[in-house]
Amino acid sequence: MHFNKKKSLGLFCLVLAFIASIVFIANFNLANAQNKTILLDVESTNNNNNISTDINNIILVHGAFSDGSAWSQVIPILEKAGHKVIAVQLPENSLSDDVATVKRAIDFVNGPSILVGHSYGGLVISNAAYNNPNVKGLVYIAALALQDGQSYSDIVDVKKIPKDLFIADKGGFIYLNSTKFHDTFAQDVNLSQANIMAAVQKPINQSILVEKSGPPAWKQIPSWYQISENDRSIPPSLQHFFAKQINATTLSIPSSHASLVSHPNEIAQLILNATKGIRN
């Protein structure tokens, strides 16, 4: 998509709200999370039937300002448990391109699969799995779970976002300021590791912020949701809202937004529970 300077400026303002790594201010008037000290509290929030058999294939989808290497500590645990794992690399040129990337991965494994999305990746898996009979469950890791026709810009207020949090290039792609990456995105990750994460981050096209979600697959199949209670990117209250909205089995961890890096064992176990259809 081509942007003139005025439109680019407007979208750049919106992108300050990008949910993968900024401090969201939700417009839902949500109540604060009832308990900020929940440690690995798994609660079942629906009565969906369990998946009857184990699912072998697991497709991992990273968020914005990240890449597939973010799953590097989770992957060995899943593979040791006997699962085939693919961590896709999203182009982040557009939502439609990212959805198409995940759909190709689903076709490639060609069998029953679980999709796992972190942050922005939650929106991608919601769209990629819709009406796909091979996808048997969705796992959201501190992730977006939007309604049909909803975009990022519909759920945020950008006025309170620090103006120096992002840096835009000439092509309209946005980077998270590397000097703020640790404190904003991964405050419970070792600083040297967070610096590497900042260096390998994938910038995201600012146009994605206004792209509308299609019909979400979470209305069709069971979902699991991990809430990061110390998240400085997506407020925990908003994550609680998403988990309730999608009727998910919920795991709460006292972690940063980068819970898949700081708490890989817990994240891996939640994914393994999903492959077995464990709903409580």
Protein backbone atom coordinates (compact mmCIF):
# COMPACT_ATOMS: atom_id res chain seq x y z
CA MET A 1 0.00 0.00 0.00
CA HIS A 2 1.34 3.48 -0.90
CA PHE A 3 1.16 6.25 1.68
CA ASN A 4 1.63 9.94 1.08
CA LYS A 5 3.37 11.94 3.78
CA LYS A 6 0.18 13.09 5.52
CA LYS A 7 -1.31 9.62 5.60
CA SER A 8 1.98 8.13 6.78
CA LEU A 9 2.09 10.62 9.62
CA GLY A 10 -1.42 9.70 10.65
CA LEU A 11 -0.71 6.01 10.56
CA PHE A 12 2.53 6.51 12.41
CA CYS A 13 0.55 8.05 15.24
CA LEU A 14 -1.72 5.04 15.24
CA VAL A 15 1.16 2.62 15.21
CA LEU A 16 2.31 3.98 18.52
CA ALA A 17 -0.51 1.84 19.84
CA PHE A 18 0.68 -1.39 18.27
CA ILE A 19 -0.19 -4.11 20.62
CA ALA A 20 2.86 -6.26 20.29
CA SER A 21 5.09 -4.02 22.26
CA ILE A 22 3.49 -0.84 23.45
CA VAL A 23 1.62 0.16 26.54
CA PHE A 24 -1.98 -0.35 25.49
CA ILE A 25 -4.73 1.80 26.89
CA ALA A 26 -7.87 -0.23 26.33
CA ASN A 27 -11.16 1.50 25.54
CA PHE A 28 -13.20 -1.29 27.00
CA ASN A 29 -13.42 0.23 30.52
CA LEU A 30 -12.19 -3.09 31.79
CA ALA A 31 -11.84 -3.76 35.46
CA ASN A 32 -8.32 -4.30 36.76
CA ALA A 33 -7.22 -7.93 36.98
CA GLN A 34 -8.64 -9.29 40.20
CA ASN A 35 -5.45 -10.89 41.38
CA LYS A 36 -2.02 -9.75 40.18
CA THR A 37 -0.22 -12.40 42.21
CA ILE A 38 -1.64 -15.48 40.53
CA LEU A 39 1.11 -18.01 40.04
CA LEU A 40 0.47 -20.58 37.34
CA ASP A 41 -3.23 -20.57 38.11
CA VAL A 42 -4.98 -22.67 35.50
CA GLU A 43 -8.71 -22.12 35.34
CA SER A 44 -11.20 -23.60 32.93
CA THR A 45 -13.63 -20.97 31.64
CA ASN A 46 -15.81 -23.12 29.45
CA ASN A 47 -17.30 -26.57 29.13
CA ASN A 48 -16.27 -27.43 25.58
CA ASN A 49 -15.69 -31.10 24.92
CA ASN A 50 -12.09 -32.24 25.13
CA ILE A 51 -10.16 -33.07 22.00
CA SER A 52 -10.38 -36.85 21.83
CA THR A 53 -6.84 -37.62 20.62
CA ASP A 54 -3.40 -36.06 20.91
CA ILE A 55 -2.46 -33.61 18.17
CA ASN A 56 1.05 -34.14 16.80
CA ASN A 57 1.62 -30.94 14.79
CA ILE A 58 2.31 -27.59 16.46
CA ILE A 59 2.65 -24.33 14.51
CA LEU A 60 4.19 -21.42 16.43
CA VAL A 61 3.52 -17.83 15.31
CA HIS A 62 5.57 -14.92 16.65
CA GLY A 63 4.33 -11.38 17.20
CA ALA A 64 5.51 -7.99 15.98
CA PHE A 65 9.02 -6.81 16.91
CA SER A 66 9.99 -10.46 17.20
CA ASP A 67 10.77 -13.44 14.98
CA GLY A 68 10.63 -17.22 15.04
CA SER A 69 13.71 -17.47 17.25
CA ALA A 70 11.63 -16.21 20.18
CA TRP A 71 10.37 -19.81 20.50
CA SER A 72 13.89 -21.27 20.77
CA GLN A 73 13.49 -22.41 24.39
CA VAL A 74 9.97 -23.75 23.88
CA ILE A 75 10.65 -25.80 20.75
CA PRO A 76 13.00 -28.41 22.33
CA ILE A 77 10.44 -29.16 25.05
CA LEU A 78 7.68 -29.73 22.50
CA GLU A 79 9.91 -31.85 20.27
CA LYS A 80 11.10 -33.94 23.22
CA ALA A 81 7.43 -34.70 23.90
CA GLY A 82 7.21 -36.16 20.38
CA HIS A 83 5.62 -33.30 18.45
CA LYS A 84 6.42 -31.94 15.00
CA VAL A 85 7.03 -28.20 15.38
CA ILE A 86 7.19 -25.35 12.87
CA ALA A 87 7.95 -21.76 13.90
CA VAL A 88 6.87 -19.59 10.99
CA GLN A 89 8.56 -16.35 9.96
CA LEU A 90 5.91 -13.72 9.32
CA PRO A 91 6.72 -11.14 6.61
CA GLU A 92 4.70 -8.48 8.50
CA ASN A 93 3.97 -6.60 5.29
CA SER A 94 0.22 -6.95 5.83
CA LEU A 95 -2.19 -8.97 7.91
CA SER A 96 -3.33 -10.84 4.81
CA ASP A 97 0.26 -11.83 3.95
CA ASP A 98 0.85 -13.08 7.47
CA VAL A 99 -2.37 -15.08 7.46
CA ALA A 100 -1.40 -16.61 4.11
CA THR A 101 2.01 -17.58 5.55
CA VAL A 102 0.39 -19.50 8.40
CA LYS A 103 -2.14 -21.13 6.08
CA ARG A 104 0.75 -22.47 3.99
CA ALA A 105 2.30 -23.94 7.12
CA ILE A 106 -1.00 -25.64 7.99
CA ASP A 107 -1.15 -27.11 4.50
CA PHE A 108 2.50 -28.16 4.69
CA VAL A 109 2.09 -30.27 7.83
CA ASN A 110 -1.10 -31.69 6.30
CA GLY A 111 -2.67 -33.07 9.43
CA PRO A 112 -4.37 -32.18 12.72
CA SER A 113 -2.59 -29.18 14.23
CA ILE A 114 -2.52 -26.76 17.14
CA LEU A 115 -1.77 -23.10 16.34
CA VAL A 116 0.03 -20.95 18.91
CA GLY A 117 0.24 -17.16 18.58
CA HIS A 118 2.14 -14.63 20.67
CA SER A 119 0.90 -11.03 20.81
CA TYR A 120 0.04 -9.90 17.25
CA GLY A 121 0.37 -13.57 16.28
CA GLY A 122 -2.92 -14.17 18.07
CA LEU A 123 -4.73 -12.12 15.45
CA VAL A 124 -2.94 -14.05 12.71
CA ILE A 125 -3.87 -17.50 14.00
CA SER A 126 -7.49 -16.42 14.62
CA ASN A 127 -7.80 -15.64 10.90
CA ALA A 128 -5.60 -18.42 9.50
CA ALA A 129 -7.49 -21.20 11.30
CA TYR A 130 -11.00 -20.09 10.37
CA ASN A 131 -12.95 -22.91 8.69
CA ASN A 132 -9.83 -25.09 8.51
CA PRO A 133 -10.72 -28.61 9.66
CA ASN A 134 -7.07 -29.49 10.33
CA VAL A 135 -6.77 -26.91 13.13
CA LYS A 136 -8.03 -28.46 16.34
CA GLY A 137 -7.10 -25.81 18.90
CA LEU A 138 -5.70 -22.32 19.40
CA VAL A 139 -3.24 -21.17 22.06
CA TYR A 140 -2.87 -17.44 22.73
CA ILE A 141 0.29 -16.23 24.51
CA ALA A 142 -0.39 -12.70 25.83
CA ALA A 143 -2.08 -12.22 22.48
CA LEU A 144 -4.70 -10.36 20.52
CA ALA A 145 -8.08 -12.06 20.17
CA LEU A 146 -10.20 -9.63 18.18
CA GLN A 147 -13.75 -9.81 16.89
CA ASP A 148 -14.71 -9.98 13.21
CA GLY A 149 -14.25 -6.55 11.61
CA GLN A 150 -12.15 -5.18 14.47
CA SER A 151 -8.68 -3.63 14.08
CA TYR A 152 -5.97 -2.49 16.48
CA SER A 153 -7.01 1.10 16.09
CA ASP A 154 -10.51 0.22 17.31
CA ILE A 155 -9.33 -0.84 20.76
CA VAL A 156 -6.61 1.61 21.76
CA ASP A 157 -6.05 5.22 22.73
CA VAL A 158 -2.69 6.46 21.43
CA LYS A 159 -2.55 9.73 23.37
CA LYS A 160 -0.68 8.30 26.34
CA ILE A 161 1.92 6.38 24.32
CA PRO A 162 5.51 7.66 24.64
CA LYS A 163 6.47 9.30 21.34
CA ASP A 164 10.00 7.91 21.35
CA LEU A 165 8.94 4.29 21.75
CA PHE A 166 9.06 3.60 18.01
CA ILE A 167 11.28 4.46 15.07
CA ALA A 168 9.92 4.42 11.53
CA ASP A 169 11.96 3.78 8.39
CA LYS A 170 11.35 5.38 4.99
CA GLY A 171 9.24 2.44 3.83
CA GLY A 172 6.63 2.84 6.54
CA PHE A 173 7.90 0.01 8.75
CA ILE A 174 8.18 0.49 12.50
CA TYR A 175 10.89 -0.70 14.92
CA LEU A 176 10.62 -0.78 18.68
CA ASN A 177 13.30 1.56 20.03
CA SER A 178 16.12 -0.78 21.03
CA THR A 179 16.97 1.36 24.06
CA LYS A 180 13.48 0.71 25.44
CA PHE A 181 13.09 -2.90 24.32
CA HIS A 182 14.09 -4.53 27.62
CA ASP A 183 11.96 -2.38 29.92
CA THR A 184 8.91 -2.33 27.64
CA PHE A 185 8.87 -5.80 26.14
CA ALA A 186 11.00 -8.17 28.23
CA GLN A 187 11.87 -6.76 31.65
CA ASP A 188 12.18 -10.26 33.20
CA VAL A 189 14.58 -11.47 30.49
CA ASN A 190 18.35 -11.26 30.92
CA LEU A 191 19.49 -7.89 29.54
CA SER A 192 22.01 -9.37 27.11
CA GLN A 193 19.38 -11.72 25.75
CA ALA A 194 16.86 -8.89 25.45
CA ASN A 195 19.43 -6.88 23.51
CA ILE A 196 19.77 -9.75 21.04
CA MET A 197 15.99 -9.89 20.72
CA ALA A 198 15.97 -6.17 19.96
CA ALA A 199 18.65 -6.63 17.30
CA VAL A 200 16.78 -9.41 15.46
CA GLN A 201 13.32 -7.86 15.75
CA LYS A 202 11.18 -7.75 12.60
CA PRO A 203 9.72 -4.32 11.87
CA ILE A 204 6.02 -4.23 11.07
CA ASN A 205 4.23 -2.29 8.36
CA GLN A 206 2.25 0.55 9.94
CA SER A 207 -0.68 -0.21 7.61
CA ILE A 208 -1.40 -3.41 9.58
CA LEU A 209 -2.73 -1.29 12.42
CA VAL A 210 -5.90 -0.43 10.53
CA GLU A 211 -6.50 -3.80 8.84
CA LYS A 212 -9.71 -5.47 9.96
CA SER A 213 -9.85 -8.99 11.31
CA GLY A 214 -11.90 -11.54 9.45
CA PRO A 215 -14.13 -14.09 11.20
CA PRO A 216 -12.12 -15.55 14.11
CA ALA A 217 -11.56 -19.27 14.51
CA TRP A 218 -11.86 -19.04 18.29
CA LYS A 219 -15.62 -19.06 17.77
CA GLN A 220 -15.30 -22.53 16.22
CA ILE A 221 -12.65 -24.46 18.14
CA PRO A 222 -11.29 -24.72 21.72
CA SER A 223 -8.84 -22.07 22.88
CA TRP A 224 -6.21 -21.65 25.59
CA TYR A 225 -4.90 -18.28 26.79
CA GLN A 226 -1.79 -17.38 28.80
CA ILE A 227 -2.03 -14.07 30.65
CA SER A 228 1.17 -12.19 31.51
CA GLU A 229 0.33 -10.46 34.77
CA ASN A 230 3.34 -8.08 34.67
CA ASP A 231 2.96 -7.19 31.00
CA ARG A 232 3.98 -3.64 30.08
CA SER A 233 2.90 -4.00 26.45
CA ILE A 234 -0.64 -5.37 26.63
CA PRO A 235 -2.36 -4.60 29.95
CA PRO A 236 -3.21 -7.74 31.93
CA SER A 237 -6.78 -6.46 32.26
CA LEU A 238 -7.13 -6.53 28.48
CA GLN A 239 -5.66 -10.02 28.36
CA HIS A 240 -8.20 -11.17 30.95
CA PHE A 241 -10.90 -9.66 28.75
CA PHE A 242 -9.66 -11.52 25.69
CA ALA A 243 -9.42 -14.82 27.57
CA LYS A 244 -13.00 -14.46 28.77
CA GLN A 245 -14.24 -13.34 25.35
CA ILE A 246 -12.88 -16.45 23.64
CA ASN A 247 -13.99 -18.80 26.43
CA ALA A 248 -10.42 -19.96 26.94
CA THR A 249 -8.80 -22.21 29.46
CA THR A 250 -6.53 -19.68 31.15
CA LEU A 251 -3.01 -19.77 32.58
CA SER A 252 -1.74 -16.73 34.51
CA ILE A 253 2.00 -16.15 34.94
CA PRO A 254 3.78 -13.23 36.68
CA SER A 255 5.76 -12.43 33.55
CA SER A 256 6.61 -9.72 31.05
CA HIS A 257 5.17 -9.63 27.55
CA ALA A 258 7.96 -12.01 26.51
CA SER A 259 6.64 -14.90 28.60
CA LEU A 260 7.66 -17.46 25.97
CA VAL A 261 11.29 -16.43 26.64
CA SER A 262 11.20 -15.92 30.41
CA HIS A 263 8.87 -18.86 31.23
CA PRO A 264 9.38 -21.46 28.46
CA ASN A 265 8.51 -24.47 30.62
CA GLU A 266 5.11 -23.12 31.60
CA ILE A 267 4.34 -22.00 28.06
CA ALA A 268 5.36 -25.37 26.64
CA GLN A 269 3.17 -27.19 29.16
CA LEU A 270 0.14 -25.10 28.22
CA ILE A 271 0.72 -25.96 24.55
CA LEU A 272 1.11 -29.64 25.40
CA ASN A 273 -2.14 -29.48 27.36
CA ALA A 274 -3.81 -28.10 24.24
CA THR A 275 -2.52 -30.99 22.12
CA LYS A 276 -4.19 -33.36 24.56
CA GLY A 277 -7.38 -31.34 24.83
CA ILE A 278 -6.89 -30.72 28.56
CA ARG A 279 -9.43 -28.07 29.54
CA ASN A 280 -8.83 -27.81 33.29
